[in-house]
Amino acid sequence: MTTYIILINWTDQGIKNVKDSPNRLESAKAALSKMGGTLRAFYLTMGEYDMVAVSEAPDDEVAARFALTLGMGGNVRTKVVKAFPEAAYRDIIGSLG
């Protein structure tokens, strides 16, 4: 599985209904699971992003579908970053000419 870092900000609607956020998180976990992925970690953060999630998905299409599904709810905006594990990082750097 491929790892994806999801950078999340609440929309005006999402922060207005912030008390429902834990329930939305559970729904998001279930939705990703149905797509064949997993939410590995979730953090409430301070700074540029309101939340950060670490997820795994079988491919980029599933990651994109999940991000779009989250956005369709109107409560969050996301940025998805594909993450390479250390072993892949070392292979990539080692393959440079």
PDB file of N, CA and C in Angstrom:
ATOM      1  N   MET A   1       0.843  -1.188   0.000  1.00  0.00           N
ATOM      2  CA  MET A   1       0.000   0.000   0.000  1.00  0.00           C
ATOM      3  C   MET A   1       0.881   1.241   0.000  1.00  0.00           C
ATOM      4  N   THR A   2       0.361   2.271  -0.582  1.00  0.00           N
ATOM      5  CA  THR A   2       1.056   3.553  -0.645  1.00  0.00           C
ATOM      6  C   THR A   2       0.590   4.435   0.505  1.00  0.00           C
ATOM      7  N   THR A   3       1.530   5.203   1.064  1.00  0.00           N
ATOM      8  CA  THR A   3       1.211   6.110   2.164  1.00  0.00           C
ATOM      9  C   THR A   3       0.936   7.503   1.615  1.00  0.00           C
ATOM     10  N   TYR A   4      -0.070   8.143   2.169  1.00  0.00           N
ATOM     11  CA  TYR A   4      -0.443   9.503   1.794  1.00  0.00           C
ATOM     12  C   TYR A   4      -0.600  10.328   3.062  1.00  0.00           C
ATOM     13  N   ILE A   5      -0.036  11.532   3.046  1.00  0.00           N
ATOM     14  CA  ILE A   5      -0.215  12.479   4.131  1.00  0.00           C
ATOM     15  C   ILE A   5      -1.330  13.427   3.682  1.00  0.00           C
ATOM     16  N   ILE A   6      -2.351  13.586   4.512  1.00  0.00           N
ATOM     17  CA  ILE A   6      -3.473  14.451   4.160  1.00  0.00           C
ATOM     18  C   ILE A   6      -3.441  15.671   5.084  1.00  0.00           C
ATOM     19  N   LEU A   7      -3.283  16.835   4.483  1.00  0.00           N
ATOM     20  CA  LEU A   7      -3.265  18.103   5.202  1.00  0.00           C
ATOM     21  C   LEU A   7      -4.675  18.682   5.112  1.00  0.00           C
ATOM     22  N   ILE A   8      -5.269  18.986   6.253  1.00  0.00           N
ATOM     23  CA  ILE A   8      -6.697  19.287   6.296  1.00  0.00           C
ATOM     24  C   ILE A   8      -6.956  20.626   6.981  1.00  0.00           C
ATOM     25  N   ASN A   9      -7.845  21.411   6.391  1.00  0.00           N
ATOM     26  CA  ASN A   9      -8.342  22.628   7.020  1.00  0.00           C
ATOM     27  C   ASN A   9      -9.858  22.602   7.035  1.00  0.00           C
ATOM     28  N   TRP A  10     -10.428  23.074   8.126  1.00  0.00           N
ATOM     29  CA  TRP A  10     -11.871  23.213   8.193  1.00  0.00           C
ATOM     30  C   TRP A  10     -12.320  24.346   7.279  1.00  0.00           C
ATOM     31  N   THR A  11     -13.457  24.181   6.666  1.00  0.00           N
ATOM     32  CA  THR A  11     -14.122  25.265   5.962  1.00  0.00           C
ATOM     33  C   THR A  11     -14.914  26.049   7.002  1.00  0.00           C
ATOM     34  N   ASP A  12     -15.555  27.128   6.582  1.00  0.00           N
ATOM     35  CA  ASP A  12     -16.413  27.871   7.512  1.00  0.00           C
ATOM     36  C   ASP A  12     -17.510  26.957   8.062  1.00  0.00           C
ATOM     37  N   GLN A  13     -18.077  26.127   7.193  1.00  0.00           N
ATOM     38  CA  GLN A  13     -19.109  25.181   7.617  1.00  0.00           C
ATOM     39  C   GLN A  13     -18.546  24.182   8.628  1.00  0.00           C
ATOM     40  N   GLY A  14     -17.340  23.686   8.353  1.00  0.00           N
ATOM     41  CA  GLY A  14     -16.739  22.683   9.230  1.00  0.00           C
ATOM     42  C   GLY A  14     -16.435  23.202  10.612  1.00  0.00           C
ATOM     43  N   ILE A  15     -15.914  24.421  10.709  1.00  0.00           N
ATOM     44  CA  ILE A  15     -15.599  24.965  12.028  1.00  0.00           C
ATOM     45  C   ILE A  15     -16.879  25.352  12.762  1.00  0.00           C
ATOM     46  N   LYS A  16     -17.885  25.775  12.026  1.00  0.00           N
ATOM     47  CA  LYS A  16     -19.170  26.112  12.652  1.00  0.00           C
ATOM     48  C   LYS A  16     -19.772  24.879  13.324  1.00  0.00           C
ATOM     49  N   ASN A  17     -19.549  23.719  12.715  1.00  0.00           N
ATOM     50  CA  ASN A  17     -20.083  22.453  13.234  1.00  0.00           C
ATOM     51  C   ASN A  17     -18.960  21.572  13.792  1.00  0.00           C
ATOM     52  N   VAL A  18     -17.969  22.193  14.427  1.00  0.00           N
ATOM     53  CA  VAL A  18     -16.773  21.475  14.883  1.00  0.00           C
ATOM     54  C   VAL A  18     -17.103  20.369  15.888  1.00  0.00           C
ATOM     55  N   LYS A  19     -18.159  20.538  16.652  1.00  0.00           N
ATOM     56  CA  LYS A  19     -18.507  19.508  17.644  1.00  0.00           C
ATOM     57  C   LYS A  19     -18.905  18.192  16.990  1.00  0.00           C
ATOM     58  N   ASP A  20     -19.291  18.238  15.719  1.00  0.00           N
ATOM     59  CA  ASP A  20     -19.631  17.016  14.980  1.00  0.00           C
ATOM     60  C   ASP A  20     -18.403  16.378  14.338  1.00  0.00           C
ATOM     61  N   SER A  21     -17.256  17.052  14.448  1.00  0.00           N
ATOM     62  CA  SER A  21     -16.041  16.590  13.781  1.00  0.00           C
ATOM     63  C   SER A  21     -15.636  15.158  14.152  1.00  0.00           C
ATOM     64  N   PRO A  22     -15.699  14.753  15.433  1.00  0.00           N
ATOM     65  CA  PRO A  22     -15.335  13.361  15.742  1.00  0.00           C
ATOM     66  C   PRO A  22     -16.208  12.335  15.013  1.00  0.00           C
ATOM     67  N   ASN A  23     -17.489  12.634  14.864  1.00  0.00           N
ATOM     68  CA  ASN A  23     -18.362  11.717  14.126  1.00  0.00           C
ATOM     69  C   ASN A  23     -17.999  11.689  12.647  1.00  0.00           C
ATOM     70  N   ARG A  24     -17.628  12.850  12.105  1.00  0.00           N
ATOM     71  CA  ARG A  24     -17.221  12.898  10.700  1.00  0.00           C
ATOM     72  C   ARG A  24     -15.921  12.129  10.494  1.00  0.00           C
ATOM     73  N   LEU A  25     -15.030  12.191  11.485  1.00  0.00           N
ATOM     74  CA  LEU A  25     -13.783  11.425  11.399  1.00  0.00           C
ATOM     75  C   LEU A  25     -14.078   9.933  11.329  1.00  0.00           C
ATOM     76  N   GLU A  26     -14.980   9.458  12.156  1.00  0.00           N
ATOM     77  CA  GLU A  26     -15.338   8.033  12.125  1.00  0.00           C
ATOM     78  C   GLU A  26     -15.947   7.650  10.780  1.00  0.00           C
ATOM     79  N   SER A  27     -16.772   8.525  10.228  1.00  0.00           N
ATOM     80  CA  SER A  27     -17.356   8.264   8.904  1.00  0.00           C
ATOM     81  C   SER A  27     -16.278   8.226   7.826  1.00  0.00           C
ATOM     82  N   ALA A  28     -15.287   9.122   7.944  1.00  0.00           N
ATOM     83  CA  ALA A  28     -14.187   9.144   6.971  1.00  0.00           C
ATOM     84  C   ALA A  28     -13.372   7.861   7.058  1.00  0.00           C
ATOM     85  N   LYS A  29     -13.092   7.400   8.271  1.00  0.00           N
ATOM     86  CA  LYS A  29     -12.354   6.145   8.440  1.00  0.00           C
ATOM     87  C   LYS A  29     -13.098   4.997   7.773  1.00  0.00           C
ATOM     88  N   ALA A  30     -14.406   4.942   7.984  1.00  0.00           N
ATOM     89  CA  ALA A  30     -15.218   3.868   7.400  1.00  0.00           C
ATOM     90  C   ALA A  30     -15.235   3.965   5.879  1.00  0.00           C
ATOM     91  N   ALA A  31     -15.335   5.189   5.353  1.00  0.00           N
ATOM     92  CA  ALA A  31     -15.361   5.371   3.894  1.00  0.00           C
ATOM     93  C   ALA A  31     -14.051   4.915   3.270  1.00  0.00           C
ATOM     94  N   LEU A  32     -12.932   5.293   3.875  1.00  0.00           N
ATOM     95  CA  LEU A  32     -11.634   4.875   3.331  1.00  0.00           C
ATOM     96  C   LEU A  32     -11.473   3.363   3.418  1.00  0.00           C
ATOM     97  N   SER A  33     -11.928   2.778   4.494  1.00  0.00           N
ATOM     98  CA  SER A  33     -11.856   1.326   4.655  1.00  0.00           C
ATOM     99  C   SER A  33     -12.636   0.618   3.544  1.00  0.00           C
ATOM    100  N   LYS A  34     -13.816   1.133   3.217  1.00  0.00           N
ATOM    101  CA  LYS A  34     -14.624   0.546   2.136  1.00  0.00           C
ATOM    102  C   LYS A  34     -13.928   0.648   0.782  1.00  0.00           C
ATOM    103  N   MET A  35     -13.053   1.654   0.650  1.00  0.00           N
ATOM    104  CA  MET A  35     -12.302   1.831  -0.600  1.00  0.00           C
ATOM    105  C   MET A  35     -11.036   0.981  -0.630  1.00  0.00           C
ATOM    106  N   GLY A  36     -10.761   0.270   0.475  1.00  0.00           N
ATOM    107  CA  GLY A  36      -9.581  -0.584   0.523  1.00  0.00           C
ATOM    108  C   GLY A  36      -8.386   0.050   1.204  1.00  0.00           C
ATOM    109  N   GLY A  37      -8.585   1.215   1.831  1.00  0.00           N
ATOM    110  CA  GLY A  37      -7.498   1.908   2.497  1.00  0.00           C
ATOM    111  C   GLY A  37      -7.653   1.915   4.003  1.00  0.00           C
ATOM    112  N   THR A  38      -6.744   2.611   4.661  1.00  0.00           N
ATOM    113  CA  THR A  38      -6.748   2.691   6.127  1.00  0.00           C
ATOM    114  C   THR A  38      -6.272   4.067   6.553  1.00  0.00           C
ATOM    115  N   LEU A  39      -6.887   4.600   7.593  1.00  0.00           N
ATOM    116  CA  LEU A  39      -6.394   5.819   8.217  1.00  0.00           C
ATOM    117  C   LEU A  39      -5.496   5.375   9.367  1.00  0.00           C
ATOM    118  N   ARG A  40      -4.190   5.545   9.200  1.00  0.00           N
ATOM    119  CA  ARG A  40      -3.195   5.052  10.162  1.00  0.00           C
ATOM    120  C   ARG A  40      -3.034   5.953  11.378  1.00  0.00           C
ATOM    121  N   ALA A  41      -3.129   7.269  11.159  1.00  0.00           N
ATOM    122  CA  ALA A  41      -2.948   8.211  12.268  1.00  0.00           C
ATOM    123  C   ALA A  41      -3.701   9.489  11.952  1.00  0.00           C
ATOM    124  N   PHE A  42      -4.134  10.171  12.997  1.00  0.00           N
ATOM    125  CA  PHE A  42      -4.864  11.425  12.843  1.00  0.00           C
ATOM    126  C   PHE A  42      -4.420  12.374  13.944  1.00  0.00           C
ATOM    127  N   TYR A  43      -4.178  13.631  13.572  1.00  0.00           N
ATOM    128  CA  TYR A  43      -3.715  14.625  14.543  1.00  0.00           C
ATOM    129  C   TYR A  43      -4.479  15.934  14.377  1.00  0.00           C
ATOM    130  N   LEU A  44      -4.866  16.535  15.471  1.00  0.00           N
ATOM    131  CA  LEU A  44      -5.310  17.917  15.502  1.00  0.00           C
ATOM    132  C   LEU A  44      -4.032  18.731  15.598  1.00  0.00           C
ATOM    133  N   THR A  45      -3.864  19.731  14.752  1.00  0.00           N
ATOM    134  CA  THR A  45      -2.599  20.451  14.713  1.00  0.00           C
ATOM    135  C   THR A  45      -2.815  21.955  14.877  1.00  0.00           C
ATOM    136  N   MET A  46      -1.740  22.632  15.219  1.00  0.00           N
ATOM    137  CA  MET A  46      -1.748  24.086  15.311  1.00  0.00           C
ATOM    138  C   MET A  46      -0.809  24.610  14.236  1.00  0.00           C
ATOM    139  N   GLY A  47      -1.188  25.680  13.602  1.00  0.00           N
ATOM    140  CA  GLY A  47      -0.354  26.228  12.544  1.00  0.00           C
ATOM    141  C   GLY A  47      -1.138  26.341  11.255  1.00  0.00           C
ATOM    142  N   GLU A  48      -0.483  26.092  10.141  1.00  0.00           N
ATOM    143  CA  GLU A  48      -1.100  26.277   8.832  1.00  0.00           C
ATOM    144  C   GLU A  48      -2.273  25.330   8.582  1.00  0.00           C
ATOM    145  N   TYR A  49      -2.220  24.144   9.162  1.00  0.00           N
ATOM    146  CA  TYR A  49      -3.279  23.152   8.956  1.00  0.00           C
ATOM    147  C   TYR A  49      -3.977  22.850  10.271  1.00  0.00           C
ATOM    148  N   ASP A  50      -5.279  22.577  10.179  1.00  0.00           N
ATOM    149  CA  ASP A  50      -6.064  22.265  11.369  1.00  0.00           C
ATOM    150  C   ASP A  50      -5.883  20.816  11.810  1.00  0.00           C
ATOM    151  N   MET A  51      -5.676  19.932  10.830  1.00  0.00           N
ATOM    152  CA  MET A  51      -5.527  18.509  11.105  1.00  0.00           C
ATOM    153  C   MET A  51      -4.574  17.896  10.094  1.00  0.00           C
ATOM    154  N   VAL A  52      -3.963  16.789  10.472  1.00  0.00           N
ATOM    155  CA  VAL A  52      -3.104  16.016   9.577  1.00  0.00           C
ATOM    156  C   VAL A  52      -3.454  14.552   9.770  1.00  0.00           C
ATOM    157  N   ALA A  53      -3.600  13.839   8.663  1.00  0.00           N
ATOM    158  CA  ALA A  53      -3.876  12.406   8.727  1.00  0.00           C
ATOM    159  C   ALA A  53      -2.821  11.657   7.914  1.00  0.00           C
ATOM    160  N   VAL A  54      -2.493  10.473   8.379  1.00  0.00           N
ATOM    161  CA  VAL A  54      -1.606   9.576   7.649  1.00  0.00           C
ATOM    162  C   VAL A  54      -2.466   8.398   7.215  1.00  0.00           C
ATOM    163  N   SER A  55      -2.536   8.187   5.913  1.00  0.00           N
ATOM    164  CA  SER A  55      -3.396   7.128   5.400  1.00  0.00           C
ATOM    165  C   SER A  55      -2.621   6.212   4.480  1.00  0.00           C
ATOM    166  N   GLU A  56      -3.203   5.063   4.229  1.00  0.00           N
ATOM    167  CA  GLU A  56      -2.683   4.135   3.232  1.00  0.00           C
ATOM    168  C   GLU A  56      -3.816   3.803   2.278  1.00  0.00           C
ATOM    169  N   ALA A  57      -3.476   3.733   0.994  1.00  0.00           N
ATOM    170  CA  ALA A  57      -4.456   3.377  -0.028  1.00  0.00           C
ATOM    171  C   ALA A  57      -3.765   2.510  -1.066  1.00  0.00           C
ATOM    172  N   PRO A  58      -4.546   1.684  -1.755  1.00  0.00           N
ATOM    173  CA  PRO A  58      -3.956   0.796  -2.749  1.00  0.00           C
ATOM    174  C   PRO A  58      -3.317   1.527  -3.929  1.00  0.00           C
ATOM    175  N   ASP A  59      -3.813   2.737  -4.267  1.00  0.00           N
ATOM    176  CA  ASP A  59      -3.271   3.466  -5.413  1.00  0.00           C
ATOM    177  C   ASP A  59      -3.709   4.927  -5.353  1.00  0.00           C
ATOM    178  N   ASP A  60      -3.181   5.710  -6.287  1.00  0.00           N
ATOM    179  CA  ASP A  60      -3.489   7.141  -6.328  1.00  0.00           C
ATOM    180  C   ASP A  60      -4.968   7.404  -6.580  1.00  0.00           C
ATOM    181  N   GLU A  61      -5.613   6.553  -7.350  1.00  0.00           N
ATOM    182  CA  GLU A  61      -7.028   6.746  -7.653  1.00  0.00           C
ATOM    183  C   GLU A  61      -7.878   6.663  -6.391  1.00  0.00           C
ATOM    184  N   VAL A  62      -7.571   5.716  -5.531  1.00  0.00           N
ATOM    185  CA  VAL A  62      -8.314   5.591  -4.270  1.00  0.00           C
ATOM    186  C   VAL A  62      -8.042   6.802  -3.380  1.00  0.00           C
ATOM    187  N   ALA A  63      -6.788   7.243  -3.319  1.00  0.00           N
ATOM    188  CA  ALA A  63      -6.447   8.418  -2.515  1.00  0.00           C
ATOM    189  C   ALA A  63      -7.199   9.651  -3.028  1.00  0.00           C
ATOM    190  N   ALA A  64      -7.262   9.814  -4.344  1.00  0.00           N
ATOM    191  CA  ALA A  64      -7.973  10.944  -4.932  1.00  0.00           C
ATOM    192  C   ALA A  64      -9.469  10.855  -4.648  1.00  0.00           C
ATOM    193  N   ARG A  65     -10.031   9.671  -4.809  1.00  0.00           N
ATOM    194  CA  ARG A  65     -11.462   9.481  -4.550  1.00  0.00           C
ATOM    195  C   ARG A  65     -11.786   9.799  -3.093  1.00  0.00           C
ATOM    196  N   PHE A  66     -10.913   9.376  -2.180  1.00  0.00           N
ATOM    197  CA  PHE A  66     -11.127   9.645  -0.759  1.00  0.00           C
ATOM    198  C   PHE A  66     -11.075  11.151  -0.485  1.00  0.00           C
ATOM    199  N   ALA A  67     -10.085  11.845  -1.035  1.00  0.00           N
ATOM    200  CA  ALA A  67      -9.982  13.289  -0.827  1.00  0.00           C
ATOM    201  C   ALA A  67     -11.200  14.016  -1.393  1.00  0.00           C
ATOM    202  N   LEU A  68     -11.650  13.591  -2.559  1.00  0.00           N
ATOM    203  CA  LEU A  68     -12.840  14.199  -3.150  1.00  0.00           C
ATOM    204  C   LEU A  68     -14.082  13.922  -2.306  1.00  0.00           C
ATOM    205  N   THR A  69     -14.178  12.721  -1.779  1.00  0.00           N
ATOM    206  CA  THR A  69     -15.300  12.372  -0.909  1.00  0.00           C
ATOM    207  C   THR A  69     -15.324  13.262   0.325  1.00  0.00           C
ATOM    208  N   LEU A  70     -14.152  13.485   0.920  1.00  0.00           N
ATOM    209  CA  LEU A  70     -14.079  14.380   2.079  1.00  0.00           C
ATOM    210  C   LEU A  70     -14.535  15.787   1.702  1.00  0.00           C
ATOM    211  N   GLY A  71     -14.045  16.279   0.580  1.00  0.00           N
ATOM    212  CA  GLY A  71     -14.392  17.624   0.152  1.00  0.00           C
ATOM    213  C   GLY A  71     -15.864  17.801  -0.164  1.00  0.00           C
ATOM    214  N   MET A  72     -16.501  16.755  -0.673  1.00  0.00           N
ATOM    215  CA  MET A  72     -17.917  16.838  -1.024  1.00  0.00           C
ATOM    216  C   MET A  72     -18.799  17.126   0.185  1.00  0.00           C
ATOM    217  N   GLY A  73     -18.334  16.767   1.379  1.00  0.00           N
ATOM    218  CA  GLY A  73     -19.116  17.033   2.582  1.00  0.00           C
ATOM    219  C   GLY A  73     -19.167  18.509   2.941  1.00  0.00           C
ATOM    220  N   GLY A  74     -18.234  19.296   2.398  1.00  0.00           N
ATOM    221  CA  GLY A  74     -18.236  20.726   2.629  1.00  0.00           C
ATOM    222  C   GLY A  74     -17.626  21.181   3.943  1.00  0.00           C
ATOM    223  N   ASN A  75     -17.117  20.249   4.735  1.00  0.00           N
ATOM    224  CA  ASN A  75     -16.579  20.598   6.051  1.00  0.00           C
ATOM    225  C   ASN A  75     -15.080  20.811   6.074  1.00  0.00           C
ATOM    226  N   VAL A  76     -14.379  20.245   5.099  1.00  0.00           N
ATOM    227  CA  VAL A  76     -12.924  20.361   5.057  1.00  0.00           C
ATOM    228  C   VAL A  76     -12.434  20.560   3.633  1.00  0.00           C
ATOM    229  N   ARG A  77     -11.233  21.122   3.540  1.00  0.00           N
ATOM    230  CA  ARG A  77     -10.469  21.177   2.299  1.00  0.00           C
ATOM    231  C   ARG A  77      -9.190  20.398   2.568  1.00  0.00           C
ATOM    232  N   THR A  78      -8.738  19.660   1.581  1.00  0.00           N
ATOM    233  CA  THR A  78      -7.575  18.799   1.792  1.00  0.00           C
ATOM    234  C   THR A  78      -6.481  19.062   0.766  1.00  0.00           C
ATOM    235  N   LYS A  79      -5.270  18.732   1.155  1.00  0.00           N
ATOM    236  CA  LYS A  79      -4.125  18.624   0.265  1.00  0.00           C
ATOM    237  C   LYS A  79      -3.541  17.248   0.555  1.00  0.00           C
ATOM    238  N   VAL A  80      -3.328  16.468  -0.486  1.00  0.00           N
ATOM    239  CA  VAL A  80      -2.818  15.113  -0.326  1.00  0.00           C
ATOM    240  C   VAL A  80      -1.392  15.051  -0.853  1.00  0.00           C
ATOM    241  N   VAL A  81      -0.511  14.505  -0.041  1.00  0.00           N
ATOM    242  CA  VAL A  81       0.895  14.370  -0.399  1.00  0.00           C
ATOM    243  C   VAL A  81       1.248  12.886  -0.403  1.00  0.00           C
ATOM    244  N   LYS A  82       1.763  12.398  -1.520  1.00  0.00           N
ATOM    245  CA  LYS A  82       2.204  11.008  -1.598  1.00  0.00           C
ATOM    246  C   LYS A  82       3.535  10.887  -0.859  1.00  0.00           C
ATOM    247  N   ALA A  83       3.651   9.904  -0.009  1.00  0.00           N
ATOM    248  CA  ALA A  83       4.852   9.745   0.818  1.00  0.00           C
ATOM    249  C   ALA A  83       5.601   8.472   0.435  1.00  0.00           C
ATOM    250  N   PHE A  84       6.917   8.589   0.314  1.00  0.00           N
ATOM    251  CA  PHE A  84       7.771   7.450   0.011  1.00  0.00           C
ATOM    252  C   PHE A  84       8.469   7.017   1.293  1.00  0.00           C
ATOM    253  N   PRO A  85       8.425   5.739   1.638  1.00  0.00           N
ATOM    254  CA  PRO A  85       9.120   5.275   2.846  1.00  0.00           C
ATOM    255  C   PRO A  85      10.636   5.392   2.684  1.00  0.00           C
ATOM    256  N   GLU A  86      11.345   5.254   3.784  1.00  0.00           N
ATOM    257  CA  GLU A  86      12.791   5.432   3.771  1.00  0.00           C
ATOM    258  C   GLU A  86      13.487   4.535   2.749  1.00  0.00           C
ATOM    259  N   ALA A  87      13.074   3.288   2.651  1.00  0.00           N
ATOM    260  CA  ALA A  87      13.727   2.368   1.709  1.00  0.00           C
ATOM    261  C   ALA A  87      13.587   2.876   0.272  1.00  0.00           C
ATOM    262  N   ALA A  88      12.396   3.363  -0.083  1.00  0.00           N
ATOM    263  CA  ALA A  88      12.194   3.899  -1.430  1.00  0.00           C
ATOM    264  C   ALA A  88      13.010   5.172  -1.627  1.00  0.00           C
ATOM    265  N   TYR A  89      13.054   6.001  -0.606  1.00  0.00           N
ATOM    266  CA  TYR A  89      13.872   7.217  -0.647  1.00  0.00           C
ATOM    267  C   TYR A  89      15.325   6.861  -0.958  1.00  0.00           C
ATOM    268  N   ARG A  90      15.847   5.872  -0.247  1.00  0.00           N
ATOM    269  CA  ARG A  90      17.231   5.480  -0.458  1.00  0.00           C
ATOM    270  C   ARG A  90      17.439   4.927  -1.875  1.00  0.00           C
ATOM    271  N   ASP A  91      16.497   4.138  -2.374  1.00  0.00           N
ATOM    272  CA  ASP A  91      16.578   3.620  -3.748  1.00  0.00           C
ATOM    273  C   ASP A  91      16.565   4.744  -4.767  1.00  0.00           C
ATOM    274  N   ILE A  92      15.677   5.689  -4.574  1.00  0.00           N
ATOM    275  CA  ILE A  92      15.554   6.814  -5.504  1.00  0.00           C
ATOM    276  C   ILE A  92      16.847   7.620  -5.526  1.00  0.00           C
ATOM    277  N   ILE A  93      17.333   7.977  -4.352  1.00  0.00           N
ATOM    278  CA  ILE A  93      18.565   8.768  -4.270  1.00  0.00           C
ATOM    279  C   ILE A  93      19.754   7.961  -4.821  1.00  0.00           C
ATOM    280  N   GLY A  94      19.796   6.659  -4.507  1.00  0.00           N
ATOM    281  CA  GLY A  94      20.873   5.812  -4.995  1.00  0.00           C
ATOM    282  C   GLY A  94      20.882   5.638  -6.496  1.00  0.00           C
ATOM    283  N   SER A  95      19.741   5.844  -7.140  1.00  0.00           N
ATOM    284  CA  SER A  95      19.660   5.653  -8.588  1.00  0.00           C
ATOM    285  C   SER A  95      20.070   6.900  -9.369  1.00  0.00           C
ATOM    286  N   LEU A  96      20.353   7.965  -8.662  1.00  0.00           N
ATOM    287  CA  LEU A  96      20.743   9.200  -9.358  1.00  0.00           C
ATOM    288  C   LEU A  96      22.121   9.054  -9.983  1.00  0.00           C
ATOM    289  N   GLY A  97      22.280   9.595 -11.166  1.00  0.00           N
ATOM    290  CA  GLY A  97      23.532   9.476 -11.913  1.00  0.00           C
ATOM    291  C   GLY A  97      24.667  10.293 -11.405  1.00  0.00           C
TER     292      GLY A  97
END
